[in-house]
């Protein structure tokens, strides 16, 4: 995803205009931040509750991406991943497995397996809505949303984008390519070292992918064109379509 960059003087008015909002958010976070979640013994191995189709999907992903999957049988790694969300309600939604693609080819493989599973389930029944009621997959960028199922899925496949976290400014420093799994704290740190800035999340732990797809273009109203959400969404969706 490409973002337009701004020099530091350009964003001075932005900082002033959003100061009161930032103070409010910090106060809200202090009073409402969730406590870490602890999975019960029955949740430690969700595969025992999986449908035949869900179990089949886990096996196919294990065969296709053996080095990029965390199964519930690897209790420590699985719990670490599931409990990595900011909000407890997201931690309580336990997937069947977690996929950690590190390259575009690996992500493409995961998507191809998921697409094949979807087509197989669709062709096996006319009642596709009920067949897919348990879900198929979810994508996690930063995992900062307080809404359950925003970046988690029960008994489905969780795709964690954390390895797609590169922050690469262009040669003329007019734009920057940011991985969907990057968090805004890292983005700001790298750009600040070059005297640059970009509109992003108000919290450093917020993921780039989630904010871009769920954010609004009027987040900072006093700085025109600072957030081109529709353009970013189009570029991101085009990237996904090219993978398949």
C-alpha atoms as a PDB file:
ATOM      1  CA  UNK A   1       0.000   0.000   0.000  1.00  0.00           C
ATOM      2  CA  UNK A   2       1.346   3.442  -0.944  1.00  0.00           C
ATOM      3  CA  UNK A   3       0.807   6.498   1.231  1.00  0.00           C
ATOM      4  CA  UNK A   4       1.449  10.187   0.591  1.00  0.00           C
ATOM      5  CA  UNK A   5       4.136  11.677   2.848  1.00  0.00           C
ATOM      6  CA  UNK A   6       4.278  15.129   4.421  1.00  0.00           C
ATOM      7  CA  UNK A   7       7.104  17.184   5.895  1.00  0.00           C
ATOM      8  CA  UNK A   8       6.966  17.772   9.651  1.00  0.00           C
ATOM      9  CA  UNK A   9       5.932  21.486   9.413  1.00  0.00           C
ATOM     10  CA  UNK A  10       2.876  20.421   7.410  1.00  0.00           C
ATOM     11  CA  UNK A  11       1.488  18.357  10.257  1.00  0.00           C
ATOM     12  CA  UNK A  12       1.974  20.951  13.017  1.00  0.00           C
ATOM     13  CA  UNK A  13      -1.623  22.164  12.698  1.00  0.00           C
ATOM     14  CA  UNK A  14      -2.807  18.573  12.647  1.00  0.00           C
ATOM     15  CA  UNK A  15      -1.186  17.885  16.004  1.00  0.00           C
ATOM     16  CA  UNK A  16      -2.804  20.982  17.520  1.00  0.00           C
ATOM     17  CA  UNK A  17      -6.244  20.283  16.067  1.00  0.00           C
ATOM     18  CA  UNK A  18      -6.303  16.691  17.325  1.00  0.00           C
ATOM     19  CA  UNK A  19      -4.760  17.260  20.768  1.00  0.00           C
ATOM     20  CA  UNK A  20      -8.045  17.338  22.635  1.00  0.00           C
ATOM     21  CA  UNK A  21      -9.223  14.182  20.875  1.00  0.00           C
ATOM     22  CA  UNK A  22      -5.988  12.383  21.715  1.00  0.00           C
ATOM     23  CA  UNK A  23      -6.293  13.326  25.393  1.00  0.00           C
ATOM     24  CA  UNK A  24      -9.831  11.956  25.467  1.00  0.00           C
ATOM     25  CA  UNK A  25      -8.744   8.699  23.862  1.00  0.00           C
ATOM     26  CA  UNK A  26      -5.859   8.235  26.308  1.00  0.00           C
ATOM     27  CA  UNK A  27      -8.215   8.719  29.245  1.00  0.00           C
ATOM     28  CA  UNK A  28     -10.665   6.223  27.765  1.00  0.00           C
ATOM     29  CA  UNK A  29      -7.923   3.646  27.206  1.00  0.00           C
ATOM     30  CA  UNK A  30      -6.754   3.913  30.810  1.00  0.00           C
ATOM     31  CA  UNK A  31     -10.242   3.176  32.091  1.00  0.00           C
ATOM     32  CA  UNK A  32     -11.306   0.535  29.579  1.00  0.00           C
ATOM     33  CA  UNK A  33      -8.225  -1.424  28.496  1.00  0.00           C
ATOM     34  CA  UNK A  34      -9.003  -5.133  28.725  1.00  0.00           C
ATOM     35  CA  UNK A  35      -7.171  -7.564  30.951  1.00  0.00           C
ATOM     36  CA  UNK A  36      -5.244 -10.441  29.320  1.00  0.00           C
ATOM     37  CA  UNK A  37      -7.397 -13.405  28.418  1.00  0.00           C
ATOM     38  CA  UNK A  38      -6.808 -16.915  29.753  1.00  0.00           C
ATOM     39  CA  UNK A  39      -8.146 -19.793  27.651  1.00  0.00           C
ATOM     40  CA  UNK A  40      -9.901 -22.641  29.399  1.00  0.00           C
ATOM     41  CA  UNK A  41      -8.714 -26.227  29.086  1.00  0.00           C
ATOM     42  CA  UNK A  42     -11.424 -26.995  26.528  1.00  0.00           C
ATOM     43  CA  UNK A  43     -10.318 -24.032  24.412  1.00  0.00           C
ATOM     44  CA  UNK A  44      -6.704 -25.186  24.363  1.00  0.00           C
ATOM     45  CA  UNK A  45      -7.551 -27.777  21.744  1.00  0.00           C
ATOM     46  CA  UNK A  46     -10.360 -26.374  19.576  1.00  0.00           C
ATOM     47  CA  UNK A  47      -9.850 -29.095  16.966  1.00  0.00           C
ATOM     48  CA  UNK A  48     -11.873 -31.453  19.145  1.00  0.00           C
ATOM     49  CA  UNK A  49     -14.907 -29.255  18.412  1.00  0.00           C
ATOM     50  CA  UNK A  50     -14.300 -28.801  14.686  1.00  0.00           C
ATOM     51  CA  UNK A  51     -16.672 -29.945  11.982  1.00  0.00           C
ATOM     52  CA  UNK A  52     -15.435 -32.437   9.418  1.00  0.00           C
ATOM     53  CA  UNK A  53     -14.997 -29.653   6.852  1.00  0.00           C
ATOM     54  CA  UNK A  54     -13.046 -27.431   9.245  1.00  0.00           C
ATOM     55  CA  UNK A  55     -10.745 -30.285  10.206  1.00  0.00           C
ATOM     56  CA  UNK A  56     -10.166 -31.064   6.536  1.00  0.00           C
ATOM     57  CA  UNK A  57      -9.189 -27.438   5.902  1.00  0.00           C
ATOM     58  CA  UNK A  58      -6.650 -27.486   8.743  1.00  0.00           C
ATOM     59  CA  UNK A  59      -5.077 -30.642   7.301  1.00  0.00           C
ATOM     60  CA  UNK A  60      -4.844 -29.113   3.833  1.00  0.00           C
ATOM     61  CA  UNK A  61      -3.190 -25.967   5.126  1.00  0.00           C
ATOM     62  CA  UNK A  62      -0.797 -28.053   7.216  1.00  0.00           C
ATOM     63  CA  UNK A  63       0.264 -29.931   4.080  1.00  0.00           C
ATOM     64  CA  UNK A  64       0.545 -26.800   1.928  1.00  0.00           C
ATOM     65  CA  UNK A  65       2.270 -24.564   4.492  1.00  0.00           C
ATOM     66  CA  UNK A  66       3.927 -26.817   7.098  1.00  0.00           C
ATOM     67  CA  UNK A  67       6.391 -24.113   8.190  1.00  0.00           C
ATOM     68  CA  UNK A  68       3.837 -21.314   8.394  1.00  0.00           C
ATOM     69  CA  UNK A  69       1.064 -22.769  10.533  1.00  0.00           C
ATOM     70  CA  UNK A  70       0.468 -22.955  14.270  1.00  0.00           C
ATOM     71  CA  UNK A  71      -1.845 -25.744  15.390  1.00  0.00           C
ATOM     72  CA  UNK A  72      -3.645 -25.948  18.718  1.00  0.00           C
ATOM     73  CA  UNK A  73      -1.505 -28.974  19.597  1.00  0.00           C
ATOM     74  CA  UNK A  74       1.431 -26.556  19.932  1.00  0.00           C
ATOM     75  CA  UNK A  75      -0.186 -25.163  23.074  1.00  0.00           C
ATOM     76  CA  UNK A  76       2.353 -22.484  24.014  1.00  0.00           C
ATOM     77  CA  UNK A  77       2.703 -20.961  20.539  1.00  0.00           C
ATOM     78  CA  UNK A  78      -1.034 -21.227  19.907  1.00  0.00           C
ATOM     79  CA  UNK A  79      -1.981 -19.472  23.151  1.00  0.00           C
ATOM     80  CA  UNK A  80       0.614 -16.757  22.539  1.00  0.00           C
ATOM     81  CA  UNK A  81      -0.893 -16.045  19.144  1.00  0.00           C
ATOM     82  CA  UNK A  82      -4.534 -16.179  20.263  1.00  0.00           C
ATOM     83  CA  UNK A  83      -3.821 -13.933  23.258  1.00  0.00           C
ATOM     84  CA  UNK A  84      -1.931 -11.351  21.175  1.00  0.00           C
ATOM     85  CA  UNK A  85      -4.995  -9.162  20.673  1.00  0.00           C
ATOM     86  CA  UNK A  86      -5.412  -5.862  22.501  1.00  0.00           C
ATOM     87  CA  UNK A  87      -8.974  -6.662  23.615  1.00  0.00           C
ATOM     88  CA  UNK A  88     -10.053  -9.648  25.691  1.00  0.00           C
ATOM     89  CA  UNK A  89     -13.194 -10.222  23.619  1.00  0.00           C
ATOM     90  CA  UNK A  90     -11.030 -10.857  20.557  1.00  0.00           C
ATOM     91  CA  UNK A  91      -8.815 -13.287  22.511  1.00  0.00           C
ATOM     92  CA  UNK A  92     -11.890 -15.319  23.450  1.00  0.00           C
ATOM     93  CA  UNK A  93     -12.669 -16.122  19.803  1.00  0.00           C
ATOM     94  CA  UNK A  94     -10.452 -19.166  19.218  1.00  0.00           C
ATOM     95  CA  UNK A  95      -9.531 -20.214  15.643  1.00  0.00           C
ATOM     96  CA  UNK A  96      -8.762 -23.722  14.415  1.00  0.00           C
ATOM     97  CA  UNK A  97      -5.228 -22.715  13.412  1.00  0.00           C
ATOM     98  CA  UNK A  98      -3.058 -19.672  12.724  1.00  0.00           C
ATOM     99  CA  UNK A  99      -1.282 -19.052   9.424  1.00  0.00           C
ATOM    100  CA  UNK A 100       1.842 -16.846   9.396  1.00  0.00           C
ATOM    101  CA  UNK A 101       2.753 -16.208   5.741  1.00  0.00           C
ATOM    102  CA  UNK A 102       6.146 -14.568   5.263  1.00  0.00           C
ATOM    103  CA  UNK A 103       6.072 -14.057   1.498  1.00  0.00           C
ATOM    104  CA  UNK A 104       3.504 -13.168  -1.134  1.00  0.00           C
ATOM    105  CA  UNK A 105       3.775 -16.705  -2.537  1.00  0.00           C
ATOM    106  CA  UNK A 106       2.932 -18.226   0.854  1.00  0.00           C
ATOM    107  CA  UNK A 107      -0.010 -15.869   1.272  1.00  0.00           C
ATOM    108  CA  UNK A 108      -1.151 -16.764  -2.234  1.00  0.00           C
ATOM    109  CA  UNK A 109      -0.971 -20.463  -1.340  1.00  0.00           C
ATOM    110  CA  UNK A 110      -3.113 -19.919   1.759  1.00  0.00           C
ATOM    111  CA  UNK A 111      -5.704 -17.982  -0.231  1.00  0.00           C
ATOM    112  CA  UNK A 112      -5.771 -20.662  -2.940  1.00  0.00           C
ATOM    113  CA  UNK A 113      -6.405 -23.395  -0.343  1.00  0.00           C
ATOM    114  CA  UNK A 114      -9.159 -21.306   1.259  1.00  0.00           C
ATOM    115  CA  UNK A 115     -10.748 -20.619  -2.129  1.00  0.00           C
ATOM    116  CA  UNK A 116     -10.681 -24.323  -2.955  1.00  0.00           C
ATOM    117  CA  UNK A 117     -12.331 -25.173   0.363  1.00  0.00           C
ATOM    118  CA  UNK A 118     -15.006 -22.526  -0.185  1.00  0.00           C
ATOM    119  CA  UNK A 119     -15.795 -23.862  -3.668  1.00  0.00           C
ATOM    120  CA  UNK A 120     -15.952 -27.433  -2.372  1.00  0.00           C
ATOM    121  CA  UNK A 121     -18.370 -26.524   0.398  1.00  0.00           C
ATOM    122  CA  UNK A 122     -20.470 -24.459  -1.980  1.00  0.00           C
ATOM    123  CA  UNK A 123     -20.749 -27.265  -4.510  1.00  0.00           C
ATOM    124  CA  UNK A 124     -21.582 -29.826  -1.823  1.00  0.00           C
ATOM    125  CA  UNK A 125     -24.779 -28.063  -0.733  1.00  0.00           C
ATOM    126  CA  UNK A 126     -27.288 -25.527  -1.945  1.00  0.00           C
ATOM    127  CA  UNK A 127     -27.618 -24.062   1.551  1.00  0.00           C
ATOM    128  CA  UNK A 128     -24.329 -22.170   1.414  1.00  0.00           C
ATOM    129  CA  UNK A 129     -25.343 -19.672   4.121  1.00  0.00           C
ATOM    130  CA  UNK A 130     -25.712 -22.367   6.777  1.00  0.00           C
ATOM    131  CA  UNK A 131     -22.733 -24.308   5.471  1.00  0.00           C
ATOM    132  CA  UNK A 132     -20.492 -21.264   5.961  1.00  0.00           C
ATOM    133  CA  UNK A 133     -22.088 -20.182   9.254  1.00  0.00           C
ATOM    134  CA  UNK A 134     -19.023 -21.242  11.269  1.00  0.00           C
ATOM    135  CA  UNK A 135     -16.843 -19.056   9.079  1.00  0.00           C
ATOM    136  CA  UNK A 136     -13.804 -19.759   6.955  1.00  0.00           C
ATOM    137  CA  UNK A 137     -11.018 -17.288   7.785  1.00  0.00           C
ATOM    138  CA  UNK A 138     -10.122 -13.942   9.357  1.00  0.00           C
ATOM    139  CA  UNK A 139      -7.159 -11.608   8.824  1.00  0.00           C
ATOM    140  CA  UNK A 140      -5.223  -9.921  11.635  1.00  0.00           C
ATOM    141  CA  UNK A 141      -3.035  -6.895  11.069  1.00  0.00           C
ATOM    142  CA  UNK A 142      -2.505  -5.283  14.480  1.00  0.00           C
ATOM    143  CA  UNK A 143      -5.421  -6.929  16.287  1.00  0.00           C
ATOM    144  CA  UNK A 144      -6.330  -3.677  18.031  1.00  0.00           C
ATOM    145  CA  UNK A 145     -10.092  -3.608  17.446  1.00  0.00           C
ATOM    146  CA  UNK A 146     -12.241  -4.019  20.585  1.00  0.00           C
ATOM    147  CA  UNK A 147     -14.931  -5.769  18.529  1.00  0.00           C
ATOM    148  CA  UNK A 148     -15.053  -9.573  18.713  1.00  0.00           C
ATOM    149  CA  UNK A 149     -14.644 -11.209  15.274  1.00  0.00           C
ATOM    150  CA  UNK A 150     -13.187  -8.012  13.771  1.00  0.00           C
ATOM    151  CA  UNK A 151      -9.886  -9.853  13.292  1.00  0.00           C
ATOM    152  CA  UNK A 152     -10.667 -13.252  14.780  1.00  0.00           C
ATOM    153  CA  UNK A 153     -12.856 -16.237  13.926  1.00  0.00           C
ATOM    154  CA  UNK A 154     -14.207 -19.184  15.874  1.00  0.00           C
ATOM    155  CA  UNK A 155     -13.067 -22.548  14.478  1.00  0.00           C
ATOM    156  CA  UNK A 156     -11.870 -20.864  11.288  1.00  0.00           C
ATOM    157  CA  UNK A 157      -8.423 -19.988   9.952  1.00  0.00           C
ATOM    158  CA  UNK A 158      -6.642 -16.912  11.299  1.00  0.00           C
ATOM    159  CA  UNK A 159      -4.177 -15.318   8.868  1.00  0.00           C
ATOM    160  CA  UNK A 160      -1.654 -13.220  10.783  1.00  0.00           C
ATOM    161  CA  UNK A 161      -0.022 -10.537   8.609  1.00  0.00           C
ATOM    162  CA  UNK A 162       2.699  -9.529  11.068  1.00  0.00           C
ATOM    163  CA  UNK A 163       5.519 -10.598   8.731  1.00  0.00           C
ATOM    164  CA  UNK A 164       4.310  -8.104   6.118  1.00  0.00           C
ATOM    165  CA  UNK A 165       5.615  -5.126   8.064  1.00  0.00           C
ATOM    166  CA  UNK A 166       8.119  -3.371   5.774  1.00  0.00           C
ATOM    167  CA  UNK A 167       8.130   0.438   5.693  1.00  0.00           C
ATOM    168  CA  UNK A 168       9.868   1.648   2.509  1.00  0.00           C
ATOM    169  CA  UNK A 169       9.881   5.370   1.572  1.00  0.00           C
ATOM    170  CA  UNK A 170      10.203   6.167  -2.131  1.00  0.00           C
ATOM    171  CA  UNK A 171      13.474   7.622  -3.461  1.00  0.00           C
ATOM    172  CA  UNK A 172      11.999  11.120  -3.733  1.00  0.00           C
ATOM    173  CA  UNK A 173      10.375  10.708  -0.274  1.00  0.00           C
ATOM    174  CA  UNK A 174       6.951  11.676  -1.612  1.00  0.00           C
ATOM    175  CA  UNK A 175       5.314   8.355  -0.740  1.00  0.00           C
ATOM    176  CA  UNK A 176       5.918   5.232   1.302  1.00  0.00           C
ATOM    177  CA  UNK A 177       5.060   1.554   0.818  1.00  0.00           C
ATOM    178  CA  UNK A 178       3.817   0.042   4.079  1.00  0.00           C
ATOM    179  CA  UNK A 179       3.110  -3.623   4.724  1.00  0.00           C
ATOM    180  CA  UNK A 180      -0.421  -4.485   5.829  1.00  0.00           C
ATOM    181  CA  UNK A 181       0.934  -6.158   8.967  1.00  0.00           C
ATOM    182  CA  UNK A 182       2.954  -3.159  10.173  1.00  0.00           C
ATOM    183  CA  UNK A 183       1.916  -1.214  13.254  1.00  0.00           C
ATOM    184  CA  UNK A 184       1.787   2.540  13.177  1.00  0.00           C
ATOM    185  CA  UNK A 185       4.387   2.947  15.937  1.00  0.00           C
ATOM    186  CA  UNK A 186       7.041   1.373  13.683  1.00  0.00           C
ATOM    187  CA  UNK A 187       5.859   3.427  10.704  1.00  0.00           C
ATOM    188  CA  UNK A 188       6.125   6.713  12.602  1.00  0.00           C
ATOM    189  CA  UNK A 189       9.538   5.792  14.034  1.00  0.00           C
ATOM    190  CA  UNK A 190      11.083   5.018  10.634  1.00  0.00           C
ATOM    191  CA  UNK A 191       9.614   8.089   8.939  1.00  0.00           C
ATOM    192  CA  UNK A 192      10.471  10.409  11.815  1.00  0.00           C
ATOM    193  CA  UNK A 193      14.141   9.510  11.384  1.00  0.00           C
ATOM    194  CA  UNK A 194      13.885  10.984   7.863  1.00  0.00           C
ATOM    195  CA  UNK A 195      11.949  14.076   8.932  1.00  0.00           C
ATOM    196  CA  UNK A 196       8.760  12.723   7.363  1.00  0.00           C
ATOM    197  CA  UNK A 197       5.282  11.840   8.581  1.00  0.00           C
ATOM    198  CA  UNK A 198       2.085  10.217   7.358  1.00  0.00           C
ATOM    199  CA  UNK A 199      -1.481  10.214   8.676  1.00  0.00           C
ATOM    200  CA  UNK A 200      -2.124   7.021  10.609  1.00  0.00           C
ATOM    201  CA  UNK A 201      -3.402   5.515  13.841  1.00  0.00           C
ATOM    202  CA  UNK A 202      -3.549   7.567  17.028  1.00  0.00           C
ATOM    203  CA  UNK A 203      -2.212   4.567  18.957  1.00  0.00           C
ATOM    204  CA  UNK A 204       1.162   3.040  18.067  1.00  0.00           C
ATOM    205  CA  UNK A 205      -0.207  -0.517  18.475  1.00  0.00           C
ATOM    206  CA  UNK A 206      -2.875  -0.081  15.783  1.00  0.00           C
ATOM    207  CA  UNK A 207      -2.245  -2.120  12.630  1.00  0.00           C
ATOM    208  CA  UNK A 208      -1.957  -0.493   9.230  1.00  0.00           C
ATOM    209  CA  UNK A 209      -4.243  -2.963   7.439  1.00  0.00           C
ATOM    210  CA  UNK A 210      -7.161  -2.641   9.832  1.00  0.00           C
ATOM    211  CA  UNK A 211      -7.059   1.147   9.986  1.00  0.00           C
ATOM    212  CA  UNK A 212      -6.821   1.524   6.206  1.00  0.00           C
ATOM    213  CA  UNK A 213      -9.747  -0.820   5.518  1.00  0.00           C
ATOM    214  CA  UNK A 214     -11.885   0.367   8.423  1.00  0.00           C
ATOM    215  CA  UNK A 215     -10.801   4.006   8.783  1.00  0.00           C
ATOM    216  CA  UNK A 216     -12.501   7.135   7.496  1.00  0.00           C
ATOM    217  CA  UNK A 217     -11.139   9.947   5.345  1.00  0.00           C
ATOM    218  CA  UNK A 218     -12.421  12.615   7.765  1.00  0.00           C
ATOM    219  CA  UNK A 219     -10.250  11.510  10.701  1.00  0.00           C
ATOM    220  CA  UNK A 220      -8.171  14.723  10.482  1.00  0.00           C
ATOM    221  CA  UNK A 221     -10.528  17.318   8.943  1.00  0.00           C
ATOM    222  CA  UNK A 222      -8.122  20.297   9.046  1.00  0.00           C
ATOM    223  CA  UNK A 223      -5.554  18.757   6.721  1.00  0.00           C
ATOM    224  CA  UNK A 224      -7.042  18.217   3.226  1.00  0.00           C
ATOM    225  CA  UNK A 225      -6.037  15.077   1.303  1.00  0.00           C
ATOM    226  CA  UNK A 226      -4.043  13.734   4.251  1.00  0.00           C
ATOM    227  CA  UNK A 227      -6.003  10.498   4.309  1.00  0.00           C
ATOM    228  CA  UNK A 228      -6.943   8.875   1.001  1.00  0.00           C
ATOM    229  CA  UNK A 229      -8.713   5.859   2.434  1.00  0.00           C
ATOM    230  CA  UNK A 230     -10.594   4.886  -0.720  1.00  0.00           C
ATOM    231  CA  UNK A 231      -7.380   4.848  -2.753  1.00  0.00           C
ATOM    232  CA  UNK A 232      -5.619   2.704  -0.166  1.00  0.00           C
ATOM    233  CA  UNK A 233      -8.526   0.263  -0.021  1.00  0.00           C
ATOM    234  CA  UNK A 234      -8.519  -0.091  -3.797  1.00  0.00           C
ATOM    235  CA  UNK A 235      -4.762  -0.719  -3.848  1.00  0.00           C
ATOM    236  CA  UNK A 236      -4.994  -3.276  -1.038  1.00  0.00           C
ATOM    237  CA  UNK A 237      -7.879  -5.182  -2.629  1.00  0.00           C
ATOM    238  CA  UNK A 238      -6.057  -5.119  -5.968  1.00  0.00           C
ATOM    239  CA  UNK A 239      -3.003  -6.621  -4.232  1.00  0.00           C
ATOM    240  CA  UNK A 240      -5.123  -9.447  -2.814  1.00  0.00           C
ATOM    241  CA  UNK A 241      -6.723 -10.182  -6.186  1.00  0.00           C
ATOM    242  CA  UNK A 242      -3.280 -10.419  -7.805  1.00  0.00           C
ATOM    243  CA  UNK A 243      -2.257 -13.100  -5.317  1.00  0.00           C
ATOM    244  CA  UNK A 244      -4.869 -15.608  -6.419  1.00  0.00           C
END
